[in-house]
Protein backbone atom coordinates (compact mmCIF):
# COMPACT_ATOMS: atom_id res chain seq x y z
CA MET A 1 -22.92 -13.68 9.00
CA LEU A 2 -24.78 -10.17 10.34
CA GLN A 3 -26.88 -8.45 7.83
CA MET A 4 -26.69 -4.80 7.96
CA GLY A 5 -28.71 -2.98 5.38
CA GLU A 6 -26.08 -3.34 2.05
CA LEU A 7 -23.81 -4.69 4.26
CA SER A 8 -22.78 -7.92 5.90
CA VAL A 9 -20.06 -9.16 8.48
CA SER A 10 -18.88 -12.66 8.69
CA LEU A 11 -16.49 -13.77 11.80
CA LEU A 12 -13.42 -15.54 10.38
CA ARG A 13 -11.31 -17.98 12.36
CA ASP A 14 -7.78 -18.66 11.90
CA GLY A 15 -7.33 -21.00 14.91
CA GLN A 16 -5.41 -19.90 17.92
CA ILE A 17 -2.01 -18.80 19.18
CA LYS A 18 -0.82 -19.21 22.71
CA HIS A 19 0.62 -16.44 24.77
CA ASP A 20 2.23 -16.63 28.44
CA ALA A 21 -0.74 -15.01 30.39
CA GLY A 22 1.12 -12.90 32.33
CA VAL A 23 2.19 -10.73 29.36
CA ILE A 24 -1.48 -10.86 28.16
CA PHE A 25 -2.65 -9.47 31.58
CA GLY A 26 0.28 -7.13 32.45
CA ASP A 27 0.78 -6.20 35.78
CA VAL A 28 -1.98 -7.64 37.17
CA PRO A 29 -1.64 -9.94 39.89
CA LYS A 30 -1.52 -13.64 38.83
CA THR A 31 -4.24 -14.30 42.02
CA SER A 32 -6.59 -11.91 39.87
CA TRP A 33 -7.15 -13.71 36.65
CA GLU A 34 -5.66 -16.82 37.40
CA GLN A 35 -9.40 -18.36 37.53
CA LEU A 36 -10.03 -16.92 34.44
CA VAL A 37 -8.29 -18.51 32.36
CA ARG A 38 -6.62 -21.60 31.66
CA VAL A 39 -2.95 -22.28 31.26
CA ASP A 40 -0.64 -24.82 30.04
CA ARG A 41 3.02 -25.98 31.99
CA ARG A 42 4.76 -23.14 30.34
CA ASN A 43 1.94 -20.54 31.53
CA ARG A 44 0.70 -20.13 28.49
CA THR A 45 -3.17 -19.26 27.82
CA ALA A 46 -5.15 -20.03 24.11
CA LEU A 47 -5.94 -16.75 22.10
CA GLY A 48 -8.44 -16.83 19.45
CA LEU A 49 -7.02 -15.68 16.29
CA ARG A 50 -9.92 -13.37 15.10
CA CYS A 51 -10.96 -11.98 11.64
CA ILE A 52 -14.06 -10.38 9.56
CA LEU A 53 -15.00 -10.49 6.25
CA ILE A 54 -17.05 -7.38 5.43
CA GLN A 55 -19.61 -7.64 1.91
CA SER A 56 -21.22 -5.39 0.02
CA ALA A 57 -22.58 -6.07 -3.55
CA LYS A 58 -19.28 -4.86 -5.35
CA ARG A 59 -16.32 -5.46 -2.72
CA ASN A 60 -15.09 -7.55 -0.24
CA MET A 61 -12.89 -6.46 2.38
CA LEU A 62 -11.05 -8.32 4.84
CA ILE A 63 -10.03 -6.96 8.34
CA ASP A 64 -6.65 -8.68 9.58
CA THR A 65 -5.35 -11.78 7.81
CA GLY A 66 -4.55 -14.00 10.91
CA VAL A 67 -1.16 -15.77 11.48
CA GLY A 68 -1.00 -17.29 7.87
CA ASN A 69 1.46 -20.65 7.10
CA LYS A 70 5.01 -19.88 6.99
CA GLU A 71 7.11 -21.08 9.00
CA MET A 72 8.18 -17.94 10.79
CA ASP A 73 12.02 -19.92 11.86
CA GLY A 74 10.99 -22.74 13.41
CA GLU A 75 8.83 -20.67 16.05
CA ARG A 76 5.62 -22.08 15.26
CA SER A 77 5.64 -24.23 17.95
CA ASN A 78 6.60 -21.46 20.45
CA TYR A 79 3.15 -20.31 20.08
CA GLY A 80 1.50 -23.58 19.68
CA LEU A 81 0.24 -22.60 16.30
CA GLY A 82 -1.68 -25.30 13.74
CA PRO A 83 -2.57 -24.51 10.51
CA SER A 84 -4.46 -21.31 9.36
CA LYS A 85 -8.02 -21.98 8.79
CA LEU A 86 -8.24 -18.80 7.07
CA MET A 87 -8.30 -19.90 3.44
CA ARG A 88 -10.97 -22.82 4.53
CA GLU A 89 -13.17 -19.84 6.08
CA LEU A 90 -12.93 -17.86 3.14
CA ARG A 91 -14.05 -20.84 1.11
CA VAL A 92 -16.74 -21.04 3.25
CA ALA A 93 -18.41 -17.52 2.87
CA GLY A 94 -17.78 -18.14 -0.54
CA VAL A 95 -15.23 -16.28 -1.45
CA GLY A 96 -11.33 -16.91 -2.47
CA PRO A 97 -7.76 -15.14 -2.87
CA ARG A 98 -8.61 -13.27 -5.72
CA ASP A 99 -11.99 -11.51 -4.68
CA ILE A 100 -10.52 -9.85 -1.73
CA ASP A 101 -10.74 -6.18 -2.79
CA THR A 102 -9.56 -4.42 0.38
CA VAL A 103 -7.48 -5.71 3.37
CA ILE A 104 -7.12 -3.52 6.48
CA TYR A 105 -4.77 -4.07 9.16
CA THR A 106 -5.26 -3.08 12.41
CA HIS A 107 -1.66 -3.13 12.86
CA LEU A 108 0.90 -5.64 11.93
CA HIS A 109 2.31 -7.76 14.56
CA PHE A 110 2.64 -11.32 12.76
CA GLU A 111 -0.44 -12.94 14.45
CA HIS A 112 -2.22 -10.19 12.94
CA SER A 113 -0.85 -9.92 9.43
CA GLY A 114 1.02 -12.93 9.11
CA GLY A 115 -1.46 -14.29 6.20
CA GLY A 116 -1.08 -11.48 4.16
CA THR A 117 1.35 -13.30 2.30
CA ARG A 118 2.88 -16.47 1.00
CA LEU A 119 5.06 -18.50 -0.47
CA ASP A 120 4.06 -19.66 -3.99
CA ARG A 121 5.49 -22.57 -5.41
CA TRP A 122 8.84 -21.12 -6.48
CA GLY A 123 9.23 -20.08 -2.59
CA GLN A 124 9.10 -16.80 -3.89
CA LEU A 125 6.98 -14.85 -1.10
CA GLY A 126 4.08 -12.53 -2.39
CA PRO A 127 0.48 -11.23 -1.63
CA THR A 128 -2.28 -13.91 -0.61
CA PHE A 129 -4.68 -11.30 -1.92
CA PRO A 130 -3.32 -10.21 -5.28
CA LYS A 131 -5.80 -7.85 -6.49
CA ALA A 132 -6.03 -6.51 -3.28
CA GLU A 133 -5.10 -3.07 -1.75
CA TYR A 134 -3.88 -3.49 1.67
CA LEU A 135 -4.30 -0.58 4.04
CA VAL A 136 -2.37 0.30 7.15
CA GLN A 137 -1.70 3.44 9.27
CA LYS A 138 1.35 5.04 8.13
CA LYS A 139 2.41 4.90 12.02
CA CYS A 140 1.98 1.31 12.11
CA TRP A 141 4.19 0.84 9.42
CA ASP A 142 7.10 2.94 10.08
CA GLU A 143 7.34 1.12 13.27
CA ALA A 144 6.80 -2.27 12.20
CA ILE A 145 10.08 -1.81 9.68
CA ALA A 146 11.93 -0.43 12.59
CA PRO A 147 11.32 -1.72 15.71
CA THR A 148 13.03 -1.48 18.95
CA GLU A 149 13.95 -3.98 20.74
CA ARG A 150 11.41 -4.20 22.77
CA ALA A 151 8.78 -4.78 20.05
CA SER A 152 11.07 -6.61 17.42
CA GLY A 153 9.71 -10.11 18.40
CA SER A 154 5.93 -8.94 17.30
CA TYR A 155 7.32 -8.72 13.97
CA ARG A 156 8.03 -10.20 10.52
CA GLN A 157 9.06 -8.04 7.97
CA GLU A 158 8.00 -11.37 5.28
CA ASP A 159 4.52 -10.81 6.70
CA PHE A 160 4.76 -7.46 4.92
CA VAL A 161 7.44 -6.00 2.82
CA PRO A 162 6.39 -7.52 -0.32
CA LEU A 163 3.04 -5.67 -0.44
CA GLN A 164 5.34 -2.97 -0.80
CA GLU A 165 7.46 -4.38 -3.07
CA LYS A 166 4.15 -5.10 -5.05
CA GLY A 167 2.94 -1.78 -5.07
CA GLN A 168 -0.52 -3.31 -3.43
CA LEU A 169 0.38 -1.39 0.23
CA ALA A 170 -1.43 1.67 0.74
CA PHE A 171 -0.65 3.87 4.11
CA LEU A 172 -3.82 5.87 5.93
CA ASP A 173 -3.26 9.06 8.30
CA GLY A 174 -5.21 9.02 10.78
CA ASP A 175 -9.12 8.25 11.55
CA GLN A 176 -10.97 7.96 8.07
CA GLN A 177 -13.83 6.41 6.15
CA ILE A 178 -12.85 3.69 3.97
CA ILE A 179 -16.19 2.86 1.99
CA PRO A 180 -19.74 4.62 3.74
CA GLY A 181 -20.05 2.31 6.71
CA VAL A 182 -17.20 1.31 7.52
CA SER A 183 -14.19 3.51 9.01
CA VAL A 184 -11.42 3.09 10.92
CA LYS A 185 -10.39 4.71 13.64
CA VAL A 186 -6.71 5.35 15.17
CA THR A 187 -6.45 4.23 19.43
CA GLY A 188 -2.55 3.82 19.33
CA GLY A 189 -1.37 2.21 22.93
CA VAL A 190 -1.29 -1.23 21.77
CA THR A 191 1.43 0.28 18.75
CA GLU A 192 2.08 3.13 16.87
CA GLY A 193 -0.89 3.76 14.91
CA HIS A 194 -2.75 0.78 16.10
CA GLN A 195 -6.50 1.02 14.35
CA ILE A 196 -9.76 -0.18 14.95
CA VAL A 197 -12.50 -1.22 12.40
CA MET A 198 -16.09 0.66 12.91
CA ILE A 199 -19.27 -0.56 10.96
CA ASP A 200 -22.08 1.92 11.15
CA THR A 201 -24.90 1.32 8.67
CA GLY A 202 -27.17 3.38 11.07
CA SER A 203 -29.65 0.44 12.11
CA GLU A 204 -26.46 -1.64 13.61
CA ARG A 205 -22.87 -0.80 14.44
CA VAL A 206 -19.96 -2.99 15.07
CA ALA A 207 -16.63 -2.67 16.33
CA PHE A 208 -13.82 -4.74 15.46
CA LEU A 209 -11.48 -3.68 18.14
CA GLY A 210 -8.29 -5.69 17.29
CA ASP A 211 -5.57 -5.97 20.27
CA LEU A 212 -7.18 -2.83 21.91
CA VAL A 213 -9.65 -5.10 23.82
CA PRO A 214 -8.03 -8.49 22.70
CA THR A 215 -10.79 -10.62 24.69
CA ARG A 216 -13.66 -10.40 27.05
CA HIS A 217 -11.66 -10.48 30.03
CA HIS A 218 -10.26 -7.03 28.62
CA ILE A 219 -13.41 -4.94 29.28
CA ASN A 220 -11.84 -4.75 32.58
CA LEU A 221 -9.95 -1.19 32.30
CA ASN A 222 -6.80 -2.49 34.70
CA TYR A 223 -6.21 -5.36 32.53
CA ILE A 224 -3.65 -4.37 29.58
CA PRO A 225 -1.01 -6.44 27.94
CA ALA A 226 2.19 -6.21 29.24
CA SER A 227 3.27 -6.11 25.11
CA HIS A 228 1.22 -2.73 24.35
CA ARG A 229 3.66 0.41 23.97
CA TYR A 230 1.43 3.05 25.68
CA PRO A 231 -0.61 1.08 28.53
CA GLU A 232 -1.94 4.71 29.62
CA GLU A 233 -2.96 5.33 26.12
CA THR A 234 -4.62 2.34 25.78
CA LEU A 235 -6.10 2.89 29.03
CA LEU A 236 -7.48 6.39 27.82
CA GLN A 237 -8.81 4.86 24.43
CA LYS A 238 -10.08 2.18 26.33
CA ARG A 239 -12.54 4.20 28.80
CA ALA A 240 -13.93 6.06 25.91
CA ILE A 241 -14.73 3.01 23.32
CA LEU A 242 -16.33 0.80 25.73
CA LYS A 243 -18.59 3.61 27.16
CA LYS A 244 -19.54 4.60 23.54
CA ALA A 245 -20.07 0.65 22.90
CA GLU A 246 -22.57 0.43 26.06
CA ASN A 247 -24.40 3.59 25.56
CA GLU A 248 -24.85 3.07 21.73
CA GLY A 249 -25.15 -0.79 21.56
CA TRP A 250 -22.48 -1.40 19.65
CA LEU A 251 -21.53 -5.11 18.73
CA VAL A 252 -17.87 -5.30 19.50
CA ILE A 253 -15.43 -8.23 18.17
CA PHE A 254 -12.19 -9.11 19.97
CA GLY A 255 -9.28 -9.86 18.23
CA HIS A 256 -8.15 -12.62 19.91
CA GLY A 257 -11.64 -13.97 21.41
CA ARG A 258 -12.14 -17.80 22.40
CA GLU A 259 -14.90 -19.41 20.62
CA GLY A 260 -18.25 -18.72 22.02
CA HIS A 261 -17.21 -15.36 23.54
CA GLU A 262 -15.85 -13.49 20.48
CA ALA A 263 -18.84 -11.27 19.76
CA GLY A 264 -21.43 -9.33 22.06
CA TYR A 265 -22.45 -6.26 24.00
CA LEU A 266 -22.00 -4.60 26.80
CA GLU A 267 -24.56 -4.09 29.61
CA ARG A 268 -24.03 -2.70 33.26
CA ARG A 269 -25.60 -4.54 36.21
CA LYS A 270 -25.10 -3.57 39.64
CA GLY A 271 -22.53 -0.90 38.61
CA GLU A 272 -20.62 -3.52 37.00
CA LEU A 273 -19.98 -3.27 33.07
CA ARG A 274 -20.32 -6.72 32.09
CA PHE A 275 -20.28 -8.96 28.54
CA ARG A 276 -23.26 -10.57 26.90
CA SER A 277 -22.05 -13.30 24.08
CA VAL A 278 -23.83 -13.72 20.93
CA ALA A 279 -23.15 -15.47 17.78
CA ILE A 280 -22.69 -13.94 14.60
């Protein structure tokens, strides 16, 4: 846990997901990235599923909700998914589902939003966090409920439609402060309305980068997943945000970082941008 004045930030680990490594590194040749990650016989590499918990004296905010435990039409094995660990991680932090006041989604891909809904004992879908307001960019919602053929595999309607039906979903329109010290910045690139979450208390600054920079390897500007809707926009946003993080000493947290490489600082050595991991 990182204490930032009146706010605390805890990193939550929901487990891991396996994706095709070629997709993860986009149009970069395999010879350039094959020494960075391990792949299985299906050319999949394991990625972390990371969320963060932001707490103040009066509020508990959860950023992204992991993949959840819903069946996903038998596709869990395709992604190498085990049981969700998010509830256990929250319990360790001393927080239950009814204690969460706000959920912020970076975007609505299933591995970031799946844990926001659950099946009750009667088999009905509903919000996992019954007292929470769920926040997402309106552009992101519009894409998720009517995705193109290219994007449709990344969304599961059952992950977010029940939130609207229960009246717990609220839309954001652009960059804005959520509470003092916590704000969202729209980056696009990944999806329409993709946003990162920035925590700035003056003495410490943290950026949760979602899928804009999904792992430490992606601080290389050329490494942009093939699944991104607008890769040139991703490139522009990555360049600006990573420069800001480097110059201003932001702690960056990756939405898909592997354990031990989930959070850290950017430093330039011999003209090359490097990542220094830290534990939080």
